[in-house]
PDB file of all heavy atoms in Angstrom:
ATOM      1  N   GLY A   1     -16.984  22.173  69.854  1.00  0.00           N
ATOM      2  CA  GLY A   1     -17.070  21.137  68.839  1.00  0.00           C
ATOM      3  C   GLY A   1     -18.127  21.495  67.811  1.00  0.00           C
ATOM      4  O   GLY A   1     -18.690  22.578  67.820  1.00  0.00           O
ATOM      5  N   ILE A   2     -18.402  20.572  66.894  1.00  0.00           N
ATOM      6  CA  ILE A   2     -19.437  20.793  65.886  1.00  0.00           C
ATOM      7  C   ILE A   2     -20.422  19.637  65.983  1.00  0.00           C
ATOM      8  O   ILE A   2     -20.188  18.565  65.428  1.00  0.00           O
ATOM      9  CB  ILE A   2     -18.829  20.878  64.472  1.00  0.00           C
ATOM     10  CG1 ILE A   2     -17.846  22.040  64.406  1.00  0.00           C
ATOM     11  CG2 ILE A   2     -19.920  21.051  63.433  1.00  0.00           C
ATOM     12  CD1 ILE A   2     -17.261  22.269  63.038  1.00  0.00           C
ATOM     13  N   PRO A   3     -21.518  19.817  66.709  1.00  0.00           N
ATOM     14  CA  PRO A   3     -22.437  18.707  66.959  1.00  0.00           C
ATOM     15  C   PRO A   3     -23.198  18.278  65.704  1.00  0.00           C
ATOM     16  O   PRO A   3     -23.519  19.090  64.838  1.00  0.00           O
ATOM     17  CB  PRO A   3     -23.411  19.280  68.001  1.00  0.00           C
ATOM     18  CG  PRO A   3     -22.745  20.517  68.521  1.00  0.00           C
ATOM     19  CD  PRO A   3     -21.912  21.036  67.402  1.00  0.00           C
ATOM     20  N   LEU A   4     -23.493  16.997  65.641  1.00  0.00           N
ATOM     21  CA  LEU A   4     -24.359  16.432  64.621  1.00  0.00           C
ATOM     22  C   LEU A   4     -25.625  15.946  65.308  1.00  0.00           C
ATOM     23  O   LEU A   4     -25.564  15.324  66.372  1.00  0.00           O
ATOM     24  CB  LEU A   4     -23.680  15.257  63.923  1.00  0.00           C
ATOM     25  CG  LEU A   4     -22.370  15.528  63.188  1.00  0.00           C
ATOM     26  CD1 LEU A   4     -21.760  14.215  62.718  1.00  0.00           C
ATOM     27  CD2 LEU A   4     -22.595  16.451  62.016  1.00  0.00           C
ATOM     28  N   GLY A   5     -26.764  16.240  64.709  1.00  0.00           N
ATOM     29  CA  GLY A   5     -28.023  15.836  65.316  1.00  0.00           C
ATOM     30  C   GLY A   5     -28.922  15.115  64.337  1.00  0.00           C
ATOM     31  O   GLY A   5     -28.820  15.298  63.121  1.00  0.00           O
ATOM     32  N   LEU A   6     -29.799  14.289  64.873  1.00  0.00           N
ATOM     33  CA  LEU A   6     -30.739  13.550  64.053  1.00  0.00           C
ATOM     34  C   LEU A   6     -32.097  13.544  64.751  1.00  0.00           C
ATOM     35  O   LEU A   6     -32.184  13.330  65.962  1.00  0.00           O
ATOM     36  CB  LEU A   6     -30.254  12.106  63.855  1.00  0.00           C
ATOM     37  CG  LEU A   6     -31.073  11.233  62.914  1.00  0.00           C
ATOM     38  CD1 LEU A   6     -30.939  11.738  61.471  1.00  0.00           C
ATOM     39  CD2 LEU A   6     -30.621   9.785  62.996  1.00  0.00           C
ATOM     40  N   MET A   7     -33.149  13.797  63.968  1.00  0.00           N
ATOM     41  CA  MET A   7     -34.517  13.754  64.479  1.00  0.00           C
ATOM     42  C   MET A   7     -35.331  12.858  63.555  1.00  0.00           C
ATOM     43  O   MET A   7     -35.325  13.045  62.338  1.00  0.00           O
ATOM     44  CB  MET A   7     -35.116  15.161  64.539  1.00  0.00           C
ATOM     45  CG  MET A   7     -34.306  16.136  65.381  1.00  0.00           C
ATOM     46  SD  MET A   7     -34.964  17.833  65.366  1.00  0.00           S
ATOM     47  CE  MET A   7     -36.410  17.630  66.415  1.00  0.00           C
ATOM     48  N   VAL A   8     -36.031  11.882  64.139  1.00  0.00           N
ATOM     49  CA  VAL A   8     -36.793  10.918  63.353  1.00  0.00           C
ATOM     50  C   VAL A   8     -38.208  10.838  63.913  1.00  0.00           C
ATOM     51  O   VAL A   8     -38.394  10.717  65.126  1.00  0.00           O
ATOM     52  CB  VAL A   8     -36.133   9.518  63.396  1.00  0.00           C
ATOM     53  CG1 VAL A   8     -36.926   8.526  62.548  1.00  0.00           C
ATOM     54  CG2 VAL A   8     -34.687   9.591  62.922  1.00  0.00           C
ATOM     55  N   LYS A   9     -39.197  10.905  63.026  1.00  0.00           N
ATOM     56  CA  LYS A   9     -40.593  10.789  63.457  1.00  0.00           C
ATOM     57  C   LYS A   9     -40.771   9.526  64.296  1.00  0.00           C
ATOM     58  O   LYS A   9     -40.224   8.467  63.987  1.00  0.00           O
ATOM     59  CB  LYS A   9     -41.526  10.736  62.250  1.00  0.00           C
ATOM     60  CG  LYS A   9     -41.858  12.081  61.626  1.00  0.00           C
ATOM     61  CD  LYS A   9     -42.903  12.816  62.461  1.00  0.00           C
ATOM     62  CE  LYS A   9     -43.386  14.096  61.792  1.00  0.00           C
ATOM     63  NZ  LYS A   9     -44.202  13.834  60.610  1.00  0.00           N
ATOM     64  N   LYS A  10     -41.571   9.654  65.362  1.00  0.00           N
ATOM     65  CA  LYS A  10     -41.696   8.566  66.317  1.00  0.00           C
ATOM     66  C   LYS A  10     -42.319   7.309  65.717  1.00  0.00           C
ATOM     67  O   LYS A  10     -42.083   6.199  66.204  1.00  0.00           O
ATOM     68  CB  LYS A  10     -42.502   9.037  67.526  1.00  0.00           C
ATOM     69  CG  LYS A  10     -41.745  10.033  68.394  1.00  0.00           C
ATOM     70  CD  LYS A  10     -42.532  10.449  69.615  1.00  0.00           C
ATOM     71  CE  LYS A  10     -41.698  11.390  70.501  1.00  0.00           C
ATOM     72  NZ  LYS A  10     -42.447  11.839  71.702  1.00  0.00           N
ATOM     73  N   GLU A  11     -43.106   7.468  64.638  1.00  0.00           N
ATOM     74  CA  GLU A  11     -43.733   6.282  64.056  1.00  0.00           C
ATOM     75  C   GLU A  11     -42.779   5.478  63.184  1.00  0.00           C
ATOM     76  O   GLU A  11     -43.089   4.351  62.784  1.00  0.00           O
ATOM     77  CB  GLU A  11     -44.969   6.668  63.239  1.00  0.00           C
ATOM     78  CG  GLU A  11     -44.725   7.683  62.151  1.00  0.00           C
ATOM     79  CD  GLU A  11     -45.048   9.099  62.617  1.00  0.00           C
ATOM     80  OE1 GLU A  11     -44.869   9.387  63.816  1.00  0.00           O
ATOM     81  OE2 GLU A  11     -45.482   9.900  61.759  1.00  0.00           O
ATOM     82  N   LEU A  12     -41.601   6.026  62.866  1.00  0.00           N
ATOM     83  CA  LEU A  12     -40.607   5.276  62.099  1.00  0.00           C
ATOM     84  C   LEU A  12     -39.786   4.390  63.035  1.00  0.00           C
ATOM     85  O   LEU A  12     -39.581   4.724  64.209  1.00  0.00           O
ATOM     86  CB  LEU A  12     -39.670   6.212  61.340  1.00  0.00           C
ATOM     87  CG  LEU A  12     -40.128   6.653  59.936  1.00  0.00           C
ATOM     88  CD1 LEU A  12     -41.394   7.480  60.004  1.00  0.00           C
ATOM     89  CD2 LEU A  12     -39.023   7.389  59.219  1.00  0.00           C
ATOM     90  N   GLN A  13     -39.312   3.287  62.506  1.00  0.00           N
ATOM     91  CA  GLN A  13     -38.472   2.380  63.287  1.00  0.00           C
ATOM     92  C   GLN A  13     -37.010   2.735  63.077  1.00  0.00           C
ATOM     93  O   GLN A  13     -36.530   2.752  61.943  1.00  0.00           O
ATOM     94  CB  GLN A  13     -38.716   0.929  62.880  1.00  0.00           C
ATOM     95  CG  GLN A  13     -37.875  -0.068  63.660  1.00  0.00           C
ATOM     96  CD  GLN A  13     -38.040  -1.496  63.172  1.00  0.00           C
ATOM     97  OE1 GLN A  13     -38.760  -1.750  62.214  1.00  0.00           O
ATOM     98  NE2 GLN A  13     -37.377  -2.434  63.836  1.00  0.00           N
ATOM     99  N   VAL A  14     -36.318   3.031  64.166  1.00  0.00           N
ATOM    100  CA  VAL A  14     -34.886   3.326  64.097  1.00  0.00           C
ATOM    101  C   VAL A  14     -34.131   2.107  64.626  1.00  0.00           C
ATOM    102  O   VAL A  14     -34.186   1.801  65.815  1.00  0.00           O
ATOM    103  CB  VAL A  14     -34.527   4.580  64.918  1.00  0.00           C
ATOM    104  CG1 VAL A  14     -33.032   4.866  64.820  1.00  0.00           C
ATOM    105  CG2 VAL A  14     -35.331   5.782  64.436  1.00  0.00           C
ATOM    106  N   LYS A  15     -33.434   1.421  63.730  1.00  0.00           N
ATOM    107  CA  LYS A  15     -32.753   0.191  64.113  1.00  0.00           C
ATOM    108  C   LYS A  15     -31.411   0.460  64.770  1.00  0.00           C
ATOM    109  O   LYS A  15     -30.968  -0.284  65.633  1.00  0.00           O
ATOM    110  CB  LYS A  15     -32.586  -0.703  62.885  1.00  0.00           C
ATOM    111  CG  LYS A  15     -33.929  -1.139  62.287  1.00  0.00           C
ATOM    112  CD  LYS A  15     -33.746  -2.089  61.116  1.00  0.00           C
ATOM    113  CE  LYS A  15     -35.090  -2.571  60.604  1.00  0.00           C
ATOM    114  NZ  LYS A  15     -34.948  -3.530  59.476  1.00  0.00           N
ATOM    115  N   SER A  16     -30.730   1.523  64.326  1.00  0.00           N
ATOM    116  CA  SER A  16     -29.447   1.872  64.933  1.00  0.00           C
ATOM    117  C   SER A  16     -29.081   3.300  64.556  1.00  0.00           C
ATOM    118  O   SER A  16     -29.438   3.785  63.485  1.00  0.00           O
ATOM    119  CB  SER A  16     -28.335   0.908  64.484  1.00  0.00           C
ATOM    120  OG  SER A  16     -28.107   1.029  63.085  1.00  0.00           O
ATOM    121  N   VAL A  17     -28.364   3.971  65.459  1.00  0.00           N
ATOM    122  CA  VAL A  17     -27.804   5.307  65.205  1.00  0.00           C
ATOM    123  C   VAL A  17     -26.418   5.328  65.829  1.00  0.00           C
ATOM    124  O   VAL A  17     -26.272   5.098  67.032  1.00  0.00           O
ATOM    125  CB  VAL A  17     -28.654   6.430  65.817  1.00  0.00           C
ATOM    126  CG1 VAL A  17     -28.010   7.790  65.524  1.00  0.00           C
ATOM    127  CG2 VAL A  17     -30.077   6.410  65.280  1.00  0.00           C
ATOM    128  N   ASP A  18     -25.398   5.605  65.015  1.00  0.00           N
ATOM    129  CA  ASP A  18     -24.033   5.585  65.532  1.00  0.00           C
ATOM    130  C   ASP A  18     -23.243   6.784  65.023  1.00  0.00           C
ATOM    131  O   ASP A  18     -23.399   7.211  63.865  1.00  0.00           O
ATOM    132  CB  ASP A  18     -23.312   4.313  65.097  1.00  0.00           C
ATOM    133  CG  ASP A  18     -23.948   3.060  65.677  1.00  0.00           C
ATOM    134  OD1 ASP A  18     -23.972   2.939  66.916  1.00  0.00           O
ATOM    135  OD2 ASP A  18     -24.427   2.230  64.894  1.00  0.00           O
ATOM    136  N   LEU A  19     -22.386   7.321  65.884  1.00  0.00           N
ATOM    137  CA  LEU A  19     -21.404   8.322  65.474  1.00  0.00           C
ATOM    138  C   LEU A  19     -20.129   7.576  65.123  1.00  0.00           C
ATOM    139  O   LEU A  19     -19.549   6.887  65.954  1.00  0.00           O
ATOM    140  CB  LEU A  19     -21.143   9.331  66.588  1.00  0.00           C
ATOM    141  CG  LEU A  19     -20.081  10.393  66.269  1.00  0.00           C
ATOM    142  CD1 LEU A  19     -20.567  11.341  65.178  1.00  0.00           C
ATOM    143  CD2 LEU A  19     -19.711  11.180  67.518  1.00  0.00           C
ATOM    144  N   VAL A  20     -19.695   7.708  63.886  1.00  0.00           N
ATOM    145  CA  VAL A  20     -18.545   6.962  63.392  1.00  0.00           C
ATOM    146  C   VAL A  20     -17.308   7.855  63.351  1.00  0.00           C
ATOM    147  O   VAL A  20     -17.358   8.981  62.863  1.00  0.00           O
ATOM    148  CB  VAL A  20     -18.828   6.403  61.980  1.00  0.00           C
ATOM    149  CG1 VAL A  20     -17.628   5.648  61.443  1.00  0.00           C
ATOM    150  CG2 VAL A  20     -20.057   5.500  62.021  1.00  0.00           C
ATOM    151  N   GLU A  21     -16.213   7.366  63.892  1.00  0.00           N
ATOM    152  CA  GLU A  21     -14.900   8.012  63.777  1.00  0.00           C
ATOM    153  C   GLU A  21     -14.907   9.499  64.121  1.00  0.00           C
ATOM    154  O   GLU A  21     -14.526  10.338  63.321  1.00  0.00           O
ATOM    155  CB  GLU A  21     -14.368   7.821  62.362  1.00  0.00           C
ATOM    156  CG  GLU A  21     -14.220   6.364  61.986  1.00  0.00           C
ATOM    157  CD  GLU A  21     -13.910   6.190  60.516  1.00  0.00           C
ATOM    158  OE1 GLU A  21     -13.943   7.180  59.783  1.00  0.00           O
ATOM    159  OE2 GLU A  21     -13.624   5.068  60.103  1.00  0.00           O
ATOM    160  N   PRO A  22     -15.340   9.867  65.326  1.00  0.00           N
ATOM    161  CA  PRO A  22     -15.395  11.292  65.661  1.00  0.00           C
ATOM    162  C   PRO A  22     -14.048  11.992  65.633  1.00  0.00           C
ATOM    163  O   PRO A  22     -13.978  13.192  65.389  1.00  0.00           O
ATOM    164  CB  PRO A  22     -15.980  11.278  67.084  1.00  0.00           C
ATOM    165  CG  PRO A  22     -15.660   9.916  67.623  1.00  0.00           C
ATOM    166  CD  PRO A  22     -15.746   9.005  66.430  1.00  0.00           C
ATOM    167  N   ARG A  23     -12.954  11.268  65.845  1.00  0.00           N
ATOM    168  CA  ARG A  23     -11.641  11.924  65.863  1.00  0.00           C
ATOM    169  C   ARG A  23     -10.885  11.760  64.544  1.00  0.00           C
ATOM    170  O   ARG A  23      -9.830  12.343  64.355  1.00  0.00           O
ATOM    171  CB  ARG A  23     -10.780  11.373  67.010  1.00  0.00           C
ATOM    172  CG  ARG A  23     -11.291  11.791  68.383  1.00  0.00           C
ATOM    173  CD  ARG A  23     -10.287  11.416  69.459  1.00  0.00           C
ATOM    174  NE  ARG A  23     -10.750  11.816  70.766  1.00  0.00           N
ATOM    175  CZ  ARG A  23     -10.584  13.026  71.292  1.00  0.00           C
ATOM    176  NH1 ARG A  23      -9.986  13.968  70.591  1.00  0.00           N
ATOM    177  NH2 ARG A  23     -11.031  13.314  72.492  1.00  0.00           N
ATOM    178  N   LEU A  24     -11.421  10.975  63.633  1.00  0.00           N
ATOM    179  CA  LEU A  24     -10.714  10.730  62.380  1.00  0.00           C
ATOM    180  C   LEU A  24     -11.356  11.430  61.191  1.00  0.00           C
ATOM    181  O   LEU A  24     -10.672  11.827  60.264  1.00  0.00           O
ATOM    182  CB  LEU A  24     -10.661   9.219  62.102  1.00  0.00           C
ATOM    183  CG  LEU A  24      -9.883   8.384  63.127  1.00  0.00           C
ATOM    184  CD1 LEU A  24      -9.929   6.919  62.729  1.00  0.00           C
ATOM    185  CD2 LEU A  24      -8.445   8.867  63.245  1.00  0.00           C
ATOM    186  N   PHE A  25     -12.675  11.584  61.224  1.00  0.00           N
ATOM    187  CA  PHE A  25     -13.362  12.167  60.082  1.00  0.00           C
ATOM    188  C   PHE A  25     -13.252  13.687  60.152  1.00  0.00           C
ATOM    189  O   PHE A  25     -14.205  14.408  60.346  1.00  0.00           O
ATOM    190  CB  PHE A  25     -14.824  11.720  60.069  1.00  0.00           C
ATOM    191  CG  PHE A  25     -15.488  11.852  58.725  1.00  0.00           C
ATOM    192  CD1 PHE A  25     -15.248  10.930  57.736  1.00  0.00           C
ATOM    193  CD2 PHE A  25     -16.343  12.893  58.463  1.00  0.00           C
ATOM    194  CE1 PHE A  25     -15.866  11.034  56.505  1.00  0.00           C
ATOM    195  CE2 PHE A  25     -16.971  13.014  57.233  1.00  0.00           C
ATOM    196  CZ  PHE A  25     -16.728  12.077  56.256  1.00  0.00           C
ATOM    197  N   SER A  26     -11.997  14.179  60.022  1.00  0.00           N
ATOM    198  CA  SER A  26     -11.706  15.600  60.171  1.00  0.00           C
ATOM    199  C   SER A  26     -12.260  16.125  61.485  1.00  0.00           C
ATOM    200  O   SER A  26     -12.683  17.266  61.601  1.00  0.00           O
ATOM    201  CB  SER A  26     -12.303  16.421  59.019  1.00  0.00           C
ATOM    202  OG  SER A  26     -11.912  17.770  59.124  1.00  0.00           O
ATOM    203  N   SER A  27     -12.285  15.265  62.493  1.00  0.00           N
ATOM    204  CA  SER A  27     -12.748  15.611  63.843  1.00  0.00           C
ATOM    205  C   SER A  27     -14.209  16.011  63.875  1.00  0.00           C
ATOM    206  O   SER A  27     -14.665  16.590  64.849  1.00  0.00           O
ATOM    207  CB  SER A  27     -11.895  16.739  64.441  1.00  0.00           C
ATOM    208  OG  SER A  27     -10.550  16.347  64.528  1.00  0.00           O
ATOM    209  N   ARG A  28     -14.969  15.717  62.823  1.00  0.00           N
ATOM    210  CA  ARG A  28     -16.375  16.119  62.804  1.00  0.00           C
ATOM    211  C   ARG A  28     -17.312  14.931  62.926  1.00  0.00           C
ATOM    212  O   ARG A  28     -18.487  15.105  63.191  1.00  0.00           O
ATOM    213  CB  ARG A  28     -16.690  16.906  61.531  1.00  0.00           C
ATOM    214  CG  ARG A  28     -15.902  18.205  61.467  1.00  0.00           C
ATOM    215  CD  ARG A  28     -16.377  19.100  60.361  1.00  0.00           C
ATOM    216  NE  ARG A  28     -15.632  20.346  60.362  1.00  0.00           N
ATOM    217  CZ  ARG A  28     -16.031  21.439  59.747  1.00  0.00           C
ATOM    218  NH1 ARG A  28     -17.157  21.448  59.075  1.00  0.00           N
ATOM    219  NH2 ARG A  28     -15.306  22.536  59.789  1.00  0.00           N
TER     220      ARG A  28
END
């Protein structure tokens, strides 16, 4: 597959992280 990654500094607030439509968005 082709992984997507995200890294956020720990002092920032992350309210949500979602992978959207993995099989529809050209499978990416």
